[in-house]
Amino acid sequence: MTPRRRILVVGAAALIVGIAMPLVVKRVLNLVWVFGQRLCDAGLPGVRTACGAAGSVVGQLSMLTGLVVLVIALVGIWVAGAWCLRPVSDLAGPIAHVGPQNLGHRIRPRGNDEMARLARAIDDMMERIAAGYEGQRRFAANASHELRTPLAVQRTLIEVGMARSLTGEQLELLTSQLLETNERNERLIEGLLALSESDQGLRARLPQRLDEIVGTVLAGYQERAEEAGVTVQSHLSPRVVMGERVLLERLVSNLVENAIKYNRPGGTLTVTVGREPALTVVNSGQVVPAEAVAGLFEPFRRLARDRTNHSGGAGLGLAIARSITQAHDGLIAARPAEYGGLRVDVQLPKAP
């Protein structure tokens, strides 16, 4: 029986009892009074004295009857409440045993009553928790893999340097390789920290000129674009959004850096700030398969099949961009560009 029907049954029973109880009590008291009067009229020895206190006895009996009725009512309310809440208790049992070892457990209720809707909501919540837990587990595994490789390289280089005496040229090569590996570790750790901070949400929301932020970032990447042989084109319309300037700068920087890094010599980078979407970044790099686009937003996911990084990045650029966009209550989406490369659209709420 559903909780609503249980409450209806208890309410109907309480209504019937509330109507019938005064009549029953009154009937009992009348019977007691009539019986006492007959005893007094009978004139039995020792009864006349008691008849003088008949009114007092009836009053005490009324109080006792009321007390008994009150106790019975409290017990009935307790039992009825436990009976009505029994579906909640039955639901609490399976939930209490859910843990990291069985996040796949689902209640899968039947019907469409209140408890069924609550159970479905719990199942949906468990789906989100399981997805988040699996994402964190995969992220930790990928991060350990990414950190283990450069640390192994560093260890090998140090062991080579300690095993034999090196010439000046060999020592210079060894130190340059160590420095390069160390810089890659720094970029990886910095990316992990940025991803963690953006996942925590915004500390403050202030009006920010997105077009000015994009212009500043593009100016900082102009030299790198020229070195890569990439032509930068910008179309910046005034646009104000609510958010943190530092995170918005990181969002634009990651998108621009990826667009330059995975471009081709003689290619183009087009950045647009407008109404909808708020920000668009398009590059003319290699052809991106449509089925591989969604995976690019996962941490340490790259277009190449292997996970060896030959571009100097940590594979966190688009993952950080997605996290920052979500922290600003926005949406980020990507699709293959028309002539190769990737188009990334970022939608951000307008400032009031």
Protein backbone atom coordinates (compact mmCIF):
# COMPACT_ATOMS: atom_id res chain seq x y z
CA MET A 1 0.00 0.00 0.00
CA THR A 2 1.31 3.44 -0.92
CA PRO A 3 2.02 6.06 1.79
CA ARG A 4 -0.84 8.22 0.54
CA ARG A 5 -3.33 5.35 0.96
CA ARG A 6 -1.92 4.50 4.37
CA ILE A 7 -2.38 8.10 5.52
CA LEU A 8 -5.90 8.12 4.07
CA VAL A 9 -6.81 4.95 5.96
CA VAL A 10 -5.36 6.29 9.22
CA GLY A 11 -7.14 9.62 8.77
CA ALA A 12 -10.46 7.91 8.08
CA ALA A 13 -10.02 5.68 11.14
CA ALA A 14 -9.14 8.67 13.32
CA LEU A 15 -12.22 10.53 12.05
CA ILE A 16 -14.51 7.61 12.81
CA VAL A 17 -13.00 7.11 16.26
CA GLY A 18 -13.20 10.84 16.99
CA ILE A 19 -16.90 10.87 16.18
CA ALA A 20 -17.76 7.61 17.93
CA MET A 21 -15.62 7.95 21.07
CA PRO A 22 -17.63 10.73 22.80
CA LEU A 23 -20.85 8.82 22.19
CA VAL A 24 -19.36 5.62 23.61
CA VAL A 25 -17.96 7.42 26.67
CA LYS A 26 -21.27 9.17 27.27
CA ARG A 27 -23.14 5.89 26.97
CA VAL A 28 -20.83 4.17 29.45
CA LEU A 29 -21.18 6.99 31.97
CA ASN A 30 -24.97 6.93 31.62
CA LEU A 31 -25.02 3.20 32.28
CA VAL A 32 -22.85 3.67 35.36
CA TRP A 33 -25.10 6.46 36.63
CA VAL A 34 -28.30 4.49 36.07
CA PHE A 35 -26.82 1.44 37.78
CA GLY A 36 -25.79 3.58 40.78
CA GLN A 37 -29.22 5.15 41.06
CA ARG A 38 -30.88 1.74 41.11
CA LEU A 39 -28.59 0.65 43.92
CA CYS A 40 -29.44 3.78 45.91
CA ASP A 41 -33.17 3.33 45.35
CA ALA A 42 -32.96 -0.29 46.44
CA GLY A 43 -32.11 0.88 49.98
CA LEU A 44 -29.52 -1.77 50.63
CA PRO A 45 -27.58 -1.44 53.89
CA GLY A 46 -24.39 0.64 53.51
CA VAL A 47 -25.35 1.92 50.09
CA ARG A 48 -27.09 5.14 51.21
CA THR A 49 -23.78 6.54 52.48
CA ALA A 50 -22.13 5.90 49.15
CA CYS A 51 -25.03 7.41 47.26
CA GLY A 52 -24.21 10.80 48.79
CA ALA A 53 -20.84 10.73 46.99
CA ALA A 54 -22.24 9.39 43.70
CA GLY A 55 -21.61 12.69 41.89
CA SER A 56 -17.96 12.67 43.01
CA VAL A 57 -17.52 9.07 41.90
CA VAL A 58 -18.99 9.80 38.49
CA GLY A 59 -16.65 12.80 38.13
CA GLN A 60 -13.59 10.71 39.01
CA LEU A 61 -14.75 7.99 36.65
CA SER A 62 -15.08 10.57 33.88
CA MET A 63 -11.52 11.76 34.46
CA LEU A 64 -10.22 8.19 34.50
CA THR A 65 -12.08 7.39 31.30
CA GLY A 66 -10.63 10.49 29.61
CA LEU A 67 -7.13 9.50 30.69
CA VAL A 68 -7.58 5.99 29.32
CA VAL A 69 -8.88 7.40 26.04
CA LEU A 70 -5.86 9.73 25.82
CA VAL A 71 -3.40 6.89 26.37
CA ILE A 72 -5.16 4.73 23.79
CA ALA A 73 -5.12 7.64 21.31
CA LEU A 74 -1.36 8.22 21.79
CA VAL A 75 -0.60 4.53 21.30
CA GLY A 76 -2.82 4.48 18.23
CA ILE A 77 -1.08 7.54 16.77
CA TRP A 78 2.33 5.95 17.37
CA VAL A 79 1.32 2.69 15.70
CA ALA A 80 -0.40 4.49 12.82
CA GLY A 81 2.63 6.74 12.25
CA ALA A 82 4.98 3.74 12.17
CA TRP A 83 2.65 1.98 9.76
CA CYS A 84 2.50 5.01 7.45
CA LEU A 85 6.29 5.43 7.48
CA ARG A 86 7.00 1.77 6.90
CA PRO A 87 7.70 2.29 3.12
CA VAL A 88 10.36 4.85 4.05
CA SER A 89 11.98 2.36 6.43
CA ASP A 90 11.88 -0.31 3.73
CA LEU A 91 13.61 2.13 1.35
CA ALA A 92 16.28 3.08 3.87
CA GLY A 93 17.58 -0.48 4.12
CA PRO A 94 18.93 -0.84 0.56
CA ILE A 95 20.33 2.71 0.60
CA ALA A 96 22.25 2.08 3.83
CA HIS A 97 24.29 -0.68 2.20
CA VAL A 98 25.36 1.34 -0.86
CA GLY A 99 29.08 2.11 -0.97
CA PRO A 100 32.01 2.46 -3.37
CA GLN A 101 32.03 -1.31 -3.85
CA ASN A 102 28.44 -1.48 -5.16
CA LEU A 103 27.65 1.88 -6.78
CA GLY A 104 25.85 -0.06 -9.51
CA HIS A 105 23.03 -1.03 -7.12
CA ARG A 106 19.63 0.39 -8.17
CA ILE A 107 16.22 0.23 -6.47
CA ARG A 108 14.19 0.18 -9.73
CA PRO A 109 10.74 0.72 -8.16
CA ARG A 110 7.37 -0.03 -9.73
CA GLY A 111 4.36 2.23 -9.86
CA ASN A 112 4.11 6.00 -9.89
CA ASP A 113 3.37 6.94 -6.28
CA GLU A 114 5.45 9.24 -4.10
CA MET A 115 7.83 6.53 -2.89
CA ALA A 116 8.36 5.28 -6.44
CA ARG A 117 9.25 8.79 -7.60
CA LEU A 118 11.60 9.18 -4.63
CA ALA A 119 13.26 5.86 -5.44
CA ARG A 120 13.70 6.87 -9.09
CA ALA A 121 15.25 10.15 -8.00
CA ILE A 122 17.67 8.19 -5.79
CA ASP A 123 18.51 5.92 -8.74
CA ASP A 124 19.22 8.98 -10.90
CA MET A 125 21.39 10.42 -8.14
CA MET A 126 23.29 7.14 -7.93
CA GLU A 127 23.87 7.28 -11.69
CA ARG A 128 25.46 10.71 -11.35
CA ILE A 129 27.53 9.66 -8.33
CA ALA A 130 28.73 6.53 -10.11
CA ALA A 131 29.66 8.54 -13.20
CA GLY A 132 31.55 11.07 -11.08
CA TYR A 133 33.30 8.35 -9.08
CA GLU A 134 34.31 6.55 -12.24
CA GLY A 135 35.55 9.82 -13.73
CA GLN A 136 37.66 10.50 -10.64
CA ARG A 137 39.04 6.97 -10.68
CA ARG A 138 39.92 7.24 -14.37
CA PHE A 139 41.40 10.69 -13.80
CA ALA A 140 43.62 9.42 -10.97
CA ALA A 141 44.76 6.46 -13.09
CA ASN A 142 45.55 8.70 -16.06
CA ALA A 143 47.34 11.24 -13.88
CA SER A 144 49.50 8.55 -12.31
CA HIS A 145 50.34 7.23 -15.77
CA GLU A 146 51.22 10.70 -17.05
CA LEU A 147 53.42 11.41 -14.04
CA ARG A 148 55.08 8.00 -13.98
CA THR A 149 56.47 8.29 -17.53
CA PRO A 150 58.45 11.55 -17.09
CA LEU A 151 59.62 10.49 -13.63
CA ALA A 152 60.98 7.27 -15.14
CA VAL A 153 62.76 9.32 -17.82
CA GLN A 154 64.29 11.56 -15.17
CA ARG A 155 65.44 8.56 -13.16
CA THR A 156 67.05 7.00 -16.24
CA LEU A 157 68.87 10.20 -17.15
CA ILE A 158 70.17 10.61 -13.60
CA GLU A 159 71.35 6.98 -13.48
CA VAL A 160 73.15 7.44 -16.81
CA GLY A 161 74.86 10.56 -15.49
CA MET A 162 75.97 8.78 -12.32
CA ALA A 163 77.14 5.62 -14.06
CA ARG A 164 79.94 7.18 -16.08
CA SER A 165 81.79 10.41 -16.48
CA LEU A 166 80.34 12.67 -19.17
CA THR A 167 81.93 15.14 -21.49
CA GLY A 168 80.80 18.72 -21.48
CA GLU A 169 78.62 18.19 -24.53
CA GLN A 170 77.01 15.07 -23.05
CA LEU A 171 76.43 16.82 -19.75
CA GLU A 172 74.77 19.74 -21.51
CA LEU A 173 72.50 17.34 -23.43
CA LEU A 174 71.63 15.48 -20.23
CA THR A 175 70.77 18.63 -18.32
CA SER A 176 68.65 19.98 -21.20
CA GLN A 177 66.65 16.73 -21.30
CA LEU A 178 66.18 16.82 -17.54
CA LEU A 179 65.06 20.43 -17.73
CA GLU A 180 62.58 19.63 -20.51
CA THR A 181 61.13 16.72 -18.56
CA ASN A 182 60.88 18.83 -15.41
CA GLU A 183 59.06 21.58 -17.32
CA ARG A 184 56.57 19.04 -18.61
CA ASN A 185 55.93 17.88 -15.03
CA GLU A 186 55.38 21.48 -13.97
CA ARG A 187 52.85 22.00 -16.77
CA LEU A 188 51.05 18.81 -15.81
CA ILE A 189 50.85 19.73 -12.13
CA GLU A 190 49.76 23.26 -12.99
CA GLY A 191 47.02 21.85 -15.21
CA LEU A 192 45.84 19.50 -12.47
CA LEU A 193 45.66 22.38 -9.98
CA ALA A 194 43.76 24.55 -12.47
CA LEU A 195 41.30 21.72 -13.10
CA SER A 196 40.81 21.20 -9.37
CA GLU A 197 40.23 24.92 -8.74
CA SER A 198 37.73 25.28 -11.57
CA ASP A 199 35.83 22.22 -10.33
CA GLN A 200 35.31 24.00 -6.98
CA GLY A 201 33.24 26.75 -8.63
CA LEU A 202 33.55 30.52 -8.57
CA ARG A 203 34.56 32.53 -5.53
CA ALA A 204 32.97 35.71 -6.94
CA ARG A 205 30.86 36.75 -9.92
CA LEU A 206 31.61 40.16 -11.38
CA PRO A 207 30.80 41.73 -14.76
CA GLN A 208 33.67 41.00 -17.18
CA ARG A 209 34.25 42.28 -20.72
CA LEU A 210 34.81 39.05 -22.63
CA ASP A 211 35.98 40.86 -25.78
CA GLU A 212 38.69 42.69 -23.83
CA ILE A 213 39.85 39.45 -22.21
CA VAL A 214 40.07 37.73 -25.60
CA GLY A 215 41.96 40.70 -27.07
CA THR A 216 44.51 40.58 -24.24
CA VAL A 217 45.02 36.81 -24.62
CA LEU A 218 45.43 37.04 -28.40
CA ALA A 219 48.04 39.77 -27.99
CA GLY A 220 50.01 37.50 -25.67
CA TYR A 221 49.92 34.59 -28.16
CA GLN A 222 50.70 36.66 -31.26
CA GLU A 223 54.42 35.84 -31.22
CA ARG A 224 53.79 32.13 -30.72
CA ALA A 225 51.31 32.12 -33.60
CA GLU A 226 53.87 33.78 -35.88
CA GLU A 227 56.50 31.20 -34.93
CA ALA A 228 54.03 28.41 -35.80
CA GLY A 229 53.12 30.08 -39.10
CA VAL A 230 49.49 30.58 -38.05
CA THR A 231 47.49 33.65 -39.08
CA VAL A 232 45.24 34.99 -36.32
CA GLN A 233 41.90 36.58 -37.22
CA SER A 234 39.63 38.10 -34.59
CA HIS A 235 36.09 39.48 -34.62
CA LEU A 236 35.43 40.91 -31.18
CA SER A 237 32.05 42.45 -30.43
CA PRO A 238 31.39 43.98 -27.00
CA ARG A 239 30.09 41.29 -24.66
CA VAL A 240 29.75 41.37 -20.86
CA VAL A 241 29.53 38.14 -18.85
CA MET A 242 29.46 37.36 -15.13
CA GLY A 243 32.43 35.49 -13.71
CA GLU A 244 36.07 35.55 -12.59
CA ARG A 245 38.56 37.23 -14.88
CA VAL A 246 41.39 34.84 -14.05
CA LEU A 247 39.35 31.77 -14.94
CA LEU A 248 37.96 33.37 -18.10
CA GLU A 249 41.50 34.24 -19.18
CA ARG A 250 42.51 30.63 -18.58
CA LEU A 251 39.53 29.43 -20.62
CA VAL A 252 40.45 31.60 -23.61
CA SER A 253 44.16 30.83 -23.26
CA ASN A 254 43.58 27.06 -23.33
CA LEU A 255 41.39 27.28 -26.43
CA VAL A 256 43.80 29.60 -28.26
CA GLU A 257 46.86 27.56 -27.26
CA ASN A 258 45.25 24.32 -28.46
CA ALA A 259 44.18 25.98 -31.70
CA ILE A 260 47.78 27.08 -32.39
CA LYS A 261 49.42 23.87 -31.19
CA TYR A 262 47.27 21.56 -33.32
CA ASN A 263 47.22 23.82 -36.37
CA ARG A 264 49.33 23.50 -39.53
CA PRO A 265 51.97 25.82 -40.97
CA GLY A 266 50.20 28.47 -43.04
CA GLY A 267 46.91 27.75 -41.26
CA THR A 268 44.50 30.17 -39.65
CA LEU A 269 43.04 30.77 -36.22
CA THR A 270 39.72 32.62 -36.06
CA VAL A 271 38.40 33.89 -32.74
CA THR A 272 34.95 35.48 -32.52
CA VAL A 273 33.15 37.13 -29.61
CA GLY A 274 29.46 37.72 -30.21
CA ARG A 275 25.99 37.20 -28.81
CA GLU A 276 25.34 33.49 -29.32
CA PRO A 277 27.67 31.77 -28.86
CA ALA A 278 29.67 34.13 -26.70
CA LEU A 279 33.02 32.77 -27.90
CA THR A 280 34.02 30.77 -30.99
CA VAL A 281 37.51 29.46 -31.70
CA VAL A 282 38.19 27.80 -35.07
CA ASN A 283 41.51 26.44 -36.32
CA SER A 284 42.54 24.82 -39.60
CA GLY A 285 44.49 21.83 -38.32
CA GLN A 286 44.21 18.16 -39.15
CA VAL A 287 40.87 16.54 -39.86
CA VAL A 288 39.10 15.55 -36.65
CA PRO A 289 36.70 12.57 -36.80
CA ALA A 290 33.25 13.50 -35.51
CA GLU A 291 33.12 10.48 -33.19
CA ALA A 292 36.38 11.54 -31.50
CA VAL A 293 35.30 15.09 -30.61
CA ALA A 294 33.45 14.31 -27.37
CA GLY A 295 36.45 12.40 -25.97
CA LEU A 296 38.74 15.41 -26.42
CA PHE A 297 37.14 17.05 -23.38
CA GLU A 298 38.21 14.18 -21.13
CA PRO A 299 41.44 14.64 -19.11
CA PHE A 300 44.60 13.35 -20.84
CA ARG A 301 42.61 12.46 -23.97
CA ARG A 302 44.29 13.33 -27.25
CA LEU A 303 43.38 12.75 -30.85
CA ALA A 304 46.25 10.33 -31.41
CA ARG A 305 45.65 6.71 -30.51
CA ASP A 306 48.67 6.49 -28.24
CA ARG A 307 49.00 8.52 -25.08
CA THR A 308 52.52 9.69 -25.66
CA ASN A 309 52.61 13.44 -25.81
CA HIS A 310 54.71 14.91 -28.59
CA SER A 311 53.26 18.40 -28.42
CA GLY A 312 54.55 19.45 -25.01
CA GLY A 313 51.08 19.66 -23.50
CA ALA A 314 49.53 17.73 -20.64
CA GLY A 315 46.25 16.79 -22.36
CA LEU A 316 44.21 18.93 -19.95
CA GLY A 317 43.46 22.00 -22.06
CA LEU A 318 39.92 21.19 -23.16
CA ALA A 319 39.10 19.45 -19.86
CA ILE A 320 39.98 22.66 -18.00
CA ALA A 321 38.03 24.72 -20.53
CA ARG A 322 34.94 22.57 -19.96
CA SER A 323 35.27 22.79 -16.18
CA ILE A 324 35.63 26.59 -16.27
CA THR A 325 32.65 26.92 -18.59
CA GLN A 326 30.48 24.78 -16.32
CA ALA A 327 31.59 26.84 -13.31
CA HIS A 328 30.22 29.90 -15.16
CA ASP A 329 26.89 28.10 -15.82
CA GLY A 330 27.75 27.88 -19.50
CA LEU A 331 28.00 25.25 -22.20
CA ILE A 332 30.96 24.30 -24.37
CA ALA A 333 30.70 22.20 -27.51
CA ALA A 334 33.02 21.26 -30.34
CA ARG A 335 32.64 19.90 -33.83
CA PRO A 336 34.96 19.33 -36.80
CA ALA A 337 35.62 22.50 -38.78
CA GLU A 338 34.56 22.67 -42.39
CA TYR A 339 38.07 22.40 -43.92
CA GLY A 340 39.83 20.45 -41.17
CA GLY A 341 40.61 21.39 -37.63
CA LEU A 342 38.20 21.99 -34.77
CA ARG A 343 35.50 24.53 -34.00
CA VAL A 344 34.77 25.19 -30.32
CA ASP A 345 31.68 27.18 -29.26
CA VAL A 346 31.28 28.54 -25.74
CA GLN A 347 27.92 29.79 -24.49
CA LEU A 348 27.98 32.00 -21.38
CA PRO A 349 25.05 33.70 -19.63
CA LYS A 350 24.78 37.42 -20.24
CA ALA A 351 25.41 39.82 -17.41
CA PRO A 352 22.21 41.54 -16.16
